[in-house]
Amino acid sequence: MKFALIMSRFNEQVTKGLERGARKALEEAGVAEKDIVAYYVPGAFEIPLVAAVVAERQAADAVICLGVVIRGETPHFEYISRAVSSGIMELNLRAHMPVLFGVLTTDTLEQADARSGQGKDNKGYEVANAAVEMVTLMKNLNSQP
């Protein structure tokens, strides 16, 4: 199995934690380091574009999207959250491959930190486990007549 990690650099302390969690889950699933390719984008808004390019090139069996959008004082949070989630959802249907949503949408930095820390509550860890499960399921579905 090959995986692409698409990660936002914005709020890097959080996204690095999500990346560590995802890599740990993939390692535990037996995925070799050489089969994990990471792409870094400026912010969450750019994640769907790079995920689409990776999916269209079939450069991985699954794309894991990791980032964080933290609510502020303006409607920006709503626009970015909606755009990113819609873009990833549409890509799932269009690409016919797992594109997983690991973009935190939180009210505070503290909430984001709690979801990107050590342990199995790390959302990057959870999303990577889901990616492994989905790749296995898709391979089984594709092998059936």
N, C-alpha and C. Protein backbone atom coordinates (compact mmCIF):
# COMPACT_ATOMS: atom_id res chain seq x y z
N MET A 1 0.83 -1.18 0.00
CA MET A 1 0.00 0.00 0.00
C MET A 1 0.88 1.25 0.00
N LYS A 2 0.45 2.23 -0.76
CA LYS A 2 1.15 3.51 -0.83
C LYS A 2 0.21 4.63 -0.40
N PHE A 3 0.74 5.57 0.37
CA PHE A 3 -0.06 6.65 0.91
C PHE A 3 0.59 7.99 0.64
N ALA A 4 -0.25 8.97 0.36
CA ALA A 4 0.20 10.36 0.24
C ALA A 4 -0.36 11.12 1.42
N LEU A 5 0.49 11.89 2.06
CA LEU A 5 0.06 12.79 3.13
C LEU A 5 0.10 14.20 2.57
N ILE A 6 -1.03 14.89 2.59
CA ILE A 6 -1.08 16.28 2.16
C ILE A 6 -1.30 17.09 3.43
N MET A 7 -0.33 17.96 3.77
CA MET A 7 -0.40 18.66 5.04
C MET A 7 -0.22 20.16 4.90
N SER A 8 -1.03 20.85 5.65
CA SER A 8 -0.95 22.31 5.73
C SER A 8 0.20 22.70 6.65
N ARG A 9 0.95 23.72 6.25
CA ARG A 9 2.01 24.26 7.12
C ARG A 9 1.45 25.29 8.11
N PHE A 10 0.27 25.85 7.82
CA PHE A 10 -0.33 26.82 8.73
C PHE A 10 -0.72 26.12 10.02
N ASN A 11 -0.45 26.72 11.16
CA ASN A 11 -0.63 26.10 12.47
C ASN A 11 0.22 24.84 12.57
N GLU A 12 1.48 25.00 12.22
CA GLU A 12 2.41 23.87 12.08
C GLU A 12 2.56 23.03 13.34
N GLN A 13 2.46 23.63 14.51
CA GLN A 13 2.59 22.81 15.72
C GLN A 13 1.50 21.75 15.77
N VAL A 14 0.33 22.08 15.27
CA VAL A 14 -0.78 21.12 15.24
C VAL A 14 -0.59 20.13 14.10
N THR A 15 -0.29 20.62 12.91
CA THR A 15 -0.20 19.70 11.76
C THR A 15 0.98 18.74 11.89
N LYS A 16 2.06 19.17 12.52
CA LYS A 16 3.18 18.24 12.76
C LYS A 16 2.74 17.12 13.69
N GLY A 17 1.91 17.44 14.69
CA GLY A 17 1.38 16.40 15.57
C GLY A 17 0.48 15.43 14.82
N LEU A 18 -0.35 15.97 13.92
CA LEU A 18 -1.20 15.10 13.10
C LEU A 18 -0.35 14.21 12.21
N GLU A 19 0.71 14.77 11.65
CA GLU A 19 1.61 13.98 10.80
C GLU A 19 2.27 12.86 11.60
N ARG A 20 2.75 13.18 12.80
CA ARG A 20 3.36 12.13 13.64
C ARG A 20 2.37 11.01 13.92
N GLY A 21 1.13 11.37 14.23
CA GLY A 21 0.11 10.35 14.49
C GLY A 21 -0.17 9.50 13.27
N ALA A 22 -0.29 10.14 12.10
CA ALA A 22 -0.56 9.39 10.87
C ALA A 22 0.59 8.44 10.55
N ARG A 23 1.80 8.94 10.64
CA ARG A 23 2.96 8.08 10.35
C ARG A 23 3.04 6.90 11.31
N LYS A 24 2.72 7.14 12.58
CA LYS A 24 2.74 6.05 13.57
C LYS A 24 1.72 4.97 13.20
N ALA A 25 0.52 5.38 12.84
CA ALA A 25 -0.52 4.41 12.47
C ALA A 25 -0.11 3.62 11.23
N LEU A 26 0.43 4.31 10.24
CA LEU A 26 0.86 3.62 9.01
C LEU A 26 1.99 2.65 9.30
N GLU A 27 2.93 3.06 10.14
CA GLU A 27 4.03 2.17 10.53
C GLU A 27 3.48 0.93 11.24
N GLU A 28 2.55 1.13 12.16
CA GLU A 28 1.95 0.00 12.88
C GLU A 28 1.21 -0.94 11.93
N ALA A 29 0.71 -0.40 10.83
CA ALA A 29 0.00 -1.22 9.84
C ALA A 29 0.96 -1.91 8.88
N GLY A 30 2.26 -1.69 9.05
CA GLY A 30 3.25 -2.36 8.22
C GLY A 30 3.60 -1.62 6.94
N VAL A 31 3.21 -0.35 6.83
CA VAL A 31 3.53 0.43 5.64
C VAL A 31 4.98 0.90 5.75
N ALA A 32 5.77 0.63 4.71
CA ALA A 32 7.17 1.04 4.69
C ALA A 32 7.28 2.55 4.51
N GLU A 33 8.30 3.13 5.10
CA GLU A 33 8.54 4.58 5.00
C GLU A 33 8.61 5.03 3.55
N LYS A 34 9.19 4.21 2.69
CA LYS A 34 9.32 4.56 1.27
C LYS A 34 7.97 4.62 0.57
N ASP A 35 6.93 4.05 1.18
CA ASP A 35 5.60 4.05 0.60
C ASP A 35 4.70 5.16 1.15
N ILE A 36 5.32 6.12 1.84
CA ILE A 36 4.62 7.29 2.35
C ILE A 36 5.29 8.52 1.76
N VAL A 37 4.54 9.29 1.01
CA VAL A 37 5.08 10.51 0.40
C VAL A 37 4.32 11.69 0.99
N ALA A 38 5.07 12.69 1.44
CA ALA A 38 4.47 13.86 2.08
C ALA A 38 4.55 15.07 1.15
N TYR A 39 3.45 15.81 1.10
CA TYR A 39 3.37 17.06 0.36
C TYR A 39 2.89 18.13 1.33
N TYR A 40 3.58 19.25 1.37
CA TYR A 40 3.24 20.33 2.28
C TYR A 40 2.69 21.51 1.49
N VAL A 41 1.57 22.04 1.95
CA VAL A 41 0.93 23.18 1.30
C VAL A 41 0.85 24.33 2.30
N PRO A 42 0.68 25.56 1.81
CA PRO A 42 0.67 26.71 2.72
C PRO A 42 -0.45 26.65 3.78
N GLY A 43 -1.67 26.36 3.35
CA GLY A 43 -2.79 26.35 4.28
C GLY A 43 -3.80 25.28 3.91
N ALA A 44 -4.85 25.17 4.70
CA ALA A 44 -5.86 24.14 4.48
C ALA A 44 -6.56 24.31 3.13
N PHE A 45 -6.75 25.54 2.69
CA PHE A 45 -7.46 25.80 1.44
C PHE A 45 -6.77 25.13 0.25
N GLU A 46 -5.46 24.97 0.30
CA GLU A 46 -4.70 24.41 -0.81
C GLU A 46 -4.67 22.87 -0.81
N ILE A 47 -5.14 22.25 0.25
CA ILE A 47 -5.09 20.80 0.36
C ILE A 47 -5.84 20.09 -0.76
N PRO A 48 -7.09 20.45 -1.08
CA PRO A 48 -7.81 19.71 -2.13
C PRO A 48 -7.13 19.74 -3.50
N LEU A 49 -6.50 20.83 -3.86
CA LEU A 49 -5.84 20.90 -5.16
C LEU A 49 -4.71 19.89 -5.26
N VAL A 50 -3.84 19.86 -4.27
CA VAL A 50 -2.72 18.92 -4.31
C VAL A 50 -3.23 17.49 -4.19
N ALA A 51 -4.24 17.28 -3.37
CA ALA A 51 -4.83 15.94 -3.26
C ALA A 51 -5.40 15.48 -4.61
N ALA A 52 -6.00 16.40 -5.36
CA ALA A 52 -6.55 16.07 -6.67
C ALA A 52 -5.45 15.67 -7.65
N VAL A 53 -4.36 16.40 -7.64
CA VAL A 53 -3.24 16.08 -8.55
C VAL A 53 -2.67 14.71 -8.21
N VAL A 54 -2.46 14.44 -6.93
CA VAL A 54 -1.93 13.14 -6.51
C VAL A 54 -2.90 12.03 -6.91
N ALA A 55 -4.18 12.23 -6.68
CA ALA A 55 -5.18 11.21 -7.03
C ALA A 55 -5.25 10.98 -8.53
N GLU A 56 -5.25 12.06 -9.30
CA GLU A 56 -5.32 11.92 -10.76
C GLU A 56 -4.11 11.19 -11.32
N ARG A 57 -2.97 11.38 -10.73
CA ARG A 57 -1.75 10.69 -11.18
C ARG A 57 -1.65 9.28 -10.61
N GLN A 58 -2.59 8.91 -9.77
CA GLN A 58 -2.60 7.62 -9.09
C GLN A 58 -1.25 7.34 -8.45
N ALA A 59 -0.74 8.36 -7.76
CA ALA A 59 0.56 8.27 -7.11
C ALA A 59 0.48 7.57 -5.75
N ALA A 60 -0.72 7.21 -5.32
CA ALA A 60 -0.90 6.54 -4.04
C ALA A 60 -2.19 5.74 -4.08
N ASP A 61 -2.34 4.83 -3.12
CA ASP A 61 -3.59 4.08 -2.98
C ASP A 61 -4.63 4.88 -2.20
N ALA A 62 -4.14 5.82 -1.39
CA ALA A 62 -5.03 6.69 -0.62
C ALA A 62 -4.30 8.00 -0.35
N VAL A 63 -5.08 9.05 -0.21
CA VAL A 63 -4.56 10.37 0.11
C VAL A 63 -5.12 10.75 1.48
N ILE A 64 -4.23 11.13 2.37
CA ILE A 64 -4.61 11.53 3.72
C ILE A 64 -4.38 13.04 3.84
N CYS A 65 -5.45 13.78 4.06
CA CYS A 65 -5.39 15.24 4.12
C CYS A 65 -5.38 15.67 5.59
N LEU A 66 -4.35 16.42 5.97
CA LEU A 66 -4.18 16.84 7.36
C LEU A 66 -3.99 18.35 7.45
N GLY A 67 -4.74 18.95 8.33
CA GLY A 67 -4.62 20.39 8.55
C GLY A 67 -5.49 20.80 9.71
N VAL A 68 -5.57 22.10 9.91
CA VAL A 68 -6.42 22.62 10.99
C VAL A 68 -6.91 24.01 10.60
N VAL A 69 -8.18 24.25 10.90
CA VAL A 69 -8.78 25.57 10.75
C VAL A 69 -9.36 25.91 12.11
N ILE A 70 -8.88 27.03 12.69
CA ILE A 70 -9.32 27.44 14.02
C ILE A 70 -10.20 28.67 13.90
N ARG A 71 -11.35 28.61 14.55
CA ARG A 71 -12.33 29.70 14.49
C ARG A 71 -11.69 31.01 14.99
N GLY A 72 -11.95 32.05 14.26
CA GLY A 72 -11.49 33.38 14.65
C GLY A 72 -12.67 34.31 14.84
N GLU A 73 -12.42 35.57 14.66
CA GLU A 73 -13.46 36.58 14.89
C GLU A 73 -14.24 36.93 13.63
N THR A 74 -13.86 36.36 12.49
CA THR A 74 -14.52 36.68 11.23
C THR A 74 -15.11 35.40 10.62
N PRO A 75 -15.91 35.53 9.57
CA PRO A 75 -16.50 34.34 8.92
C PRO A 75 -15.49 33.51 8.13
N HIS A 76 -14.24 33.92 8.07
CA HIS A 76 -13.20 33.19 7.32
C HIS A 76 -13.22 31.70 7.65
N PHE A 77 -13.36 31.35 8.92
CA PHE A 77 -13.39 29.97 9.39
C PHE A 77 -14.45 29.17 8.63
N GLU A 78 -15.64 29.74 8.52
CA GLU A 78 -16.75 29.05 7.84
C GLU A 78 -16.43 28.80 6.37
N TYR A 79 -15.90 29.81 5.70
CA TYR A 79 -15.61 29.69 4.27
C TYR A 79 -14.53 28.64 4.01
N ILE A 80 -13.46 28.70 4.77
CA ILE A 80 -12.36 27.76 4.55
C ILE A 80 -12.78 26.33 4.91
N SER A 81 -13.43 26.17 6.05
CA SER A 81 -13.87 24.83 6.47
C SER A 81 -14.78 24.20 5.43
N ARG A 82 -15.74 24.98 4.96
CA ARG A 82 -16.70 24.46 3.96
C ARG A 82 -15.99 24.12 2.65
N ALA A 83 -15.11 25.00 2.20
CA ALA A 83 -14.42 24.77 0.93
C ALA A 83 -13.54 23.53 0.99
N VAL A 84 -12.80 23.38 2.06
CA VAL A 84 -11.89 22.23 2.19
C VAL A 84 -12.68 20.93 2.29
N SER A 85 -13.69 20.91 3.14
CA SER A 85 -14.46 19.66 3.29
C SER A 85 -15.20 19.31 2.00
N SER A 86 -15.76 20.28 1.33
CA SER A 86 -16.45 20.01 0.06
C SER A 86 -15.47 19.53 -1.00
N GLY A 87 -14.31 20.16 -1.07
CA GLY A 87 -13.30 19.77 -2.05
C GLY A 87 -12.83 18.34 -1.85
N ILE A 88 -12.60 17.96 -0.62
CA ILE A 88 -12.14 16.60 -0.33
C ILE A 88 -13.26 15.59 -0.61
N MET A 89 -14.48 15.92 -0.22
CA MET A 89 -15.61 15.01 -0.47
C MET A 89 -15.82 14.80 -1.97
N GLU A 90 -15.80 15.88 -2.74
CA GLU A 90 -15.98 15.77 -4.19
C GLU A 90 -14.87 14.95 -4.82
N LEU A 91 -13.66 15.12 -4.32
CA LEU A 91 -12.53 14.37 -4.86
C LEU A 91 -12.70 12.88 -4.60
N ASN A 92 -13.21 12.50 -3.46
CA ASN A 92 -13.48 11.09 -3.16
C ASN A 92 -14.34 10.47 -4.25
N LEU A 93 -15.39 11.15 -4.60
CA LEU A 93 -16.33 10.62 -5.57
C LEU A 93 -15.77 10.62 -6.99
N ARG A 94 -15.02 11.65 -7.31
CA ARG A 94 -14.47 11.78 -8.66
C ARG A 94 -13.27 10.87 -8.89
N ALA A 95 -12.43 10.72 -7.90
CA ALA A 95 -11.18 9.96 -8.06
C ALA A 95 -11.36 8.46 -7.88
N HIS A 96 -12.46 8.04 -7.28
CA HIS A 96 -12.70 6.62 -7.00
C HIS A 96 -11.55 6.02 -6.21
N MET A 97 -11.03 6.79 -5.28
CA MET A 97 -10.02 6.31 -4.36
C MET A 97 -10.22 7.00 -3.03
N PRO A 98 -9.75 6.41 -1.95
CA PRO A 98 -9.93 7.04 -0.64
C PRO A 98 -9.11 8.33 -0.52
N VAL A 99 -9.81 9.40 -0.22
CA VAL A 99 -9.19 10.68 0.11
C VAL A 99 -9.78 11.05 1.46
N LEU A 100 -8.95 10.97 2.49
CA LEU A 100 -9.45 11.06 3.85
C LEU A 100 -9.32 12.45 4.44
N PHE A 101 -10.34 12.83 5.19
CA PHE A 101 -10.47 14.16 5.78
C PHE A 101 -9.91 14.14 7.19
N GLY A 102 -8.71 14.68 7.33
CA GLY A 102 -8.08 14.81 8.64
C GLY A 102 -7.79 16.27 8.94
N VAL A 103 -8.71 17.13 8.55
CA VAL A 103 -8.56 18.57 8.78
C VAL A 103 -9.40 18.92 10.00
N LEU A 104 -8.73 19.31 11.07
CA LEU A 104 -9.44 19.69 12.28
C LEU A 104 -10.14 21.02 12.08
N THR A 105 -11.33 21.13 12.59
CA THR A 105 -12.05 22.40 12.59
C THR A 105 -12.44 22.64 14.05
N THR A 106 -11.70 23.52 14.71
CA THR A 106 -11.86 23.71 16.14
C THR A 106 -12.16 25.17 16.48
N ASP A 107 -12.67 25.35 17.67
CA ASP A 107 -12.94 26.70 18.15
C ASP A 107 -11.69 27.37 18.72
N THR A 108 -10.76 26.55 19.24
CA THR A 108 -9.57 27.11 19.89
C THR A 108 -8.32 26.30 19.55
N LEU A 109 -7.19 26.93 19.76
CA LEU A 109 -5.90 26.24 19.59
C LEU A 109 -5.79 25.10 20.60
N GLU A 110 -6.31 25.28 21.79
CA GLU A 110 -6.25 24.24 22.81
C GLU A 110 -6.98 22.98 22.35
N GLN A 111 -8.13 23.16 21.71
CA GLN A 111 -8.86 22.00 21.17
C GLN A 111 -8.05 21.31 20.09
N ALA A 112 -7.42 22.09 19.23
CA ALA A 112 -6.59 21.51 18.17
C ALA A 112 -5.41 20.76 18.75
N ASP A 113 -4.76 21.34 19.76
CA ASP A 113 -3.63 20.67 20.41
C ASP A 113 -4.06 19.34 21.03
N ALA A 114 -5.24 19.31 21.64
CA ALA A 114 -5.74 18.08 22.27
C ALA A 114 -5.97 16.98 21.25
N ARG A 115 -6.28 17.34 20.01
CA ARG A 115 -6.58 16.36 18.97
C ARG A 115 -5.35 15.98 18.13
N SER A 116 -4.22 16.61 18.43
CA SER A 116 -3.01 16.34 17.65
C SER A 116 -1.84 15.92 18.54
N GLY A 117 -2.12 15.58 19.78
CA GLY A 117 -1.07 15.20 20.71
C GLY A 117 -0.70 13.73 20.62
N GLN A 118 0.00 13.28 21.63
CA GLN A 118 0.45 11.89 21.69
C GLN A 118 -0.73 10.95 21.92
N GLY A 119 -0.60 9.73 21.47
CA GLY A 119 -1.58 8.70 21.78
C GLY A 119 -2.58 8.45 20.67
N LYS A 120 -3.48 7.55 20.95
CA LYS A 120 -4.44 7.08 19.95
C LYS A 120 -5.62 8.03 19.76
N ASP A 121 -5.73 9.09 20.56
CA ASP A 121 -6.76 10.11 20.35
C ASP A 121 -6.33 11.11 19.29
N ASN A 122 -5.11 10.98 18.80
CA ASN A 122 -4.59 11.85 17.75
C ASN A 122 -5.41 11.60 16.48
N LYS A 123 -5.97 12.66 15.92
CA LYS A 123 -6.84 12.50 14.75
C LYS A 123 -6.06 12.08 13.50
N GLY A 124 -4.79 12.43 13.41
CA GLY A 124 -3.96 11.93 12.31
C GLY A 124 -3.82 10.42 12.37
N TYR A 125 -3.65 9.90 13.58
CA TYR A 125 -3.58 8.46 13.81
C TYR A 125 -4.89 7.80 13.38
N GLU A 126 -6.01 8.37 13.81
CA GLU A 126 -7.32 7.81 13.47
C GLU A 126 -7.56 7.81 11.96
N VAL A 127 -7.24 8.91 11.31
CA VAL A 127 -7.48 9.03 9.87
C VAL A 127 -6.58 8.06 9.09
N ALA A 128 -5.35 7.90 9.51
CA ALA A 128 -4.45 6.97 8.82
C ALA A 128 -4.94 5.53 8.98
N ASN A 129 -5.45 5.19 10.14
CA ASN A 129 -6.04 3.84 10.32
C ASN A 129 -7.23 3.66 9.39
N ALA A 130 -8.05 4.68 9.27
CA ALA A 130 -9.19 4.61 8.35
C ALA A 130 -8.71 4.47 6.91
N ALA A 131 -7.60 5.13 6.57
CA ALA A 131 -7.05 5.03 5.22
C ALA A 131 -6.62 3.60 4.90
N VAL A 132 -5.96 2.96 5.84
CA VAL A 132 -5.54 1.57 5.65
C VAL A 132 -6.76 0.68 5.45
N GLU A 133 -7.77 0.88 6.27
CA GLU A 133 -9.00 0.09 6.15
C GLU A 133 -9.67 0.33 4.79
N MET A 134 -9.72 1.58 4.35
CA MET A 134 -10.36 1.88 3.07
C MET A 134 -9.59 1.33 1.88
N VAL A 135 -8.26 1.38 1.94
CA VAL A 135 -7.46 0.81 0.84
C VAL A 135 -7.73 -0.68 0.74
N THR A 136 -7.77 -1.36 1.86
CA THR A 136 -8.06 -2.79 1.87
C THR A 136 -9.45 -3.07 1.30
N LEU A 137 -10.42 -2.29 1.73
CA LEU A 137 -11.78 -2.48 1.24
C LEU A 137 -11.86 -2.22 -0.26
N MET A 138 -11.25 -1.15 -0.74
CA MET A 138 -11.29 -0.82 -2.17
C MET A 138 -10.61 -1.89 -3.00
N LYS A 139 -9.50 -2.43 -2.52
CA LYS A 139 -8.82 -3.50 -3.26
C LYS A 139 -9.71 -4.73 -3.34
N ASN A 140 -10.41 -5.03 -2.25
CA ASN A 140 -11.35 -6.17 -2.26
C ASN A 140 -12.50 -5.91 -3.22
N LEU A 141 -13.06 -4.72 -3.19
CA LEU A 141 -14.17 -4.39 -4.10
C LEU A 141 -13.72 -4.45 -5.56
N ASN A 142 -12.54 -3.95 -5.83
CA ASN A 142 -12.03 -3.92 -7.22
C ASN A 142 -11.66 -5.30 -7.73
N SER A 143 -11.44 -6.25 -6.83
CA SER A 143 -11.06 -7.60 -7.28
C SER A 143 -12.29 -8.48 -7.50
N GLN A 144 -13.46 -7.99 -7.11
CA GLN A 144 -14.69 -8.78 -7.30
C GLN A 144 -15.23 -8.55 -8.71
N PRO A 145 -15.84 -9.61 -9.25
CA PRO A 145 -16.42 -9.48 -10.60
C PRO A 145 -17.63 -8.56 -10.63
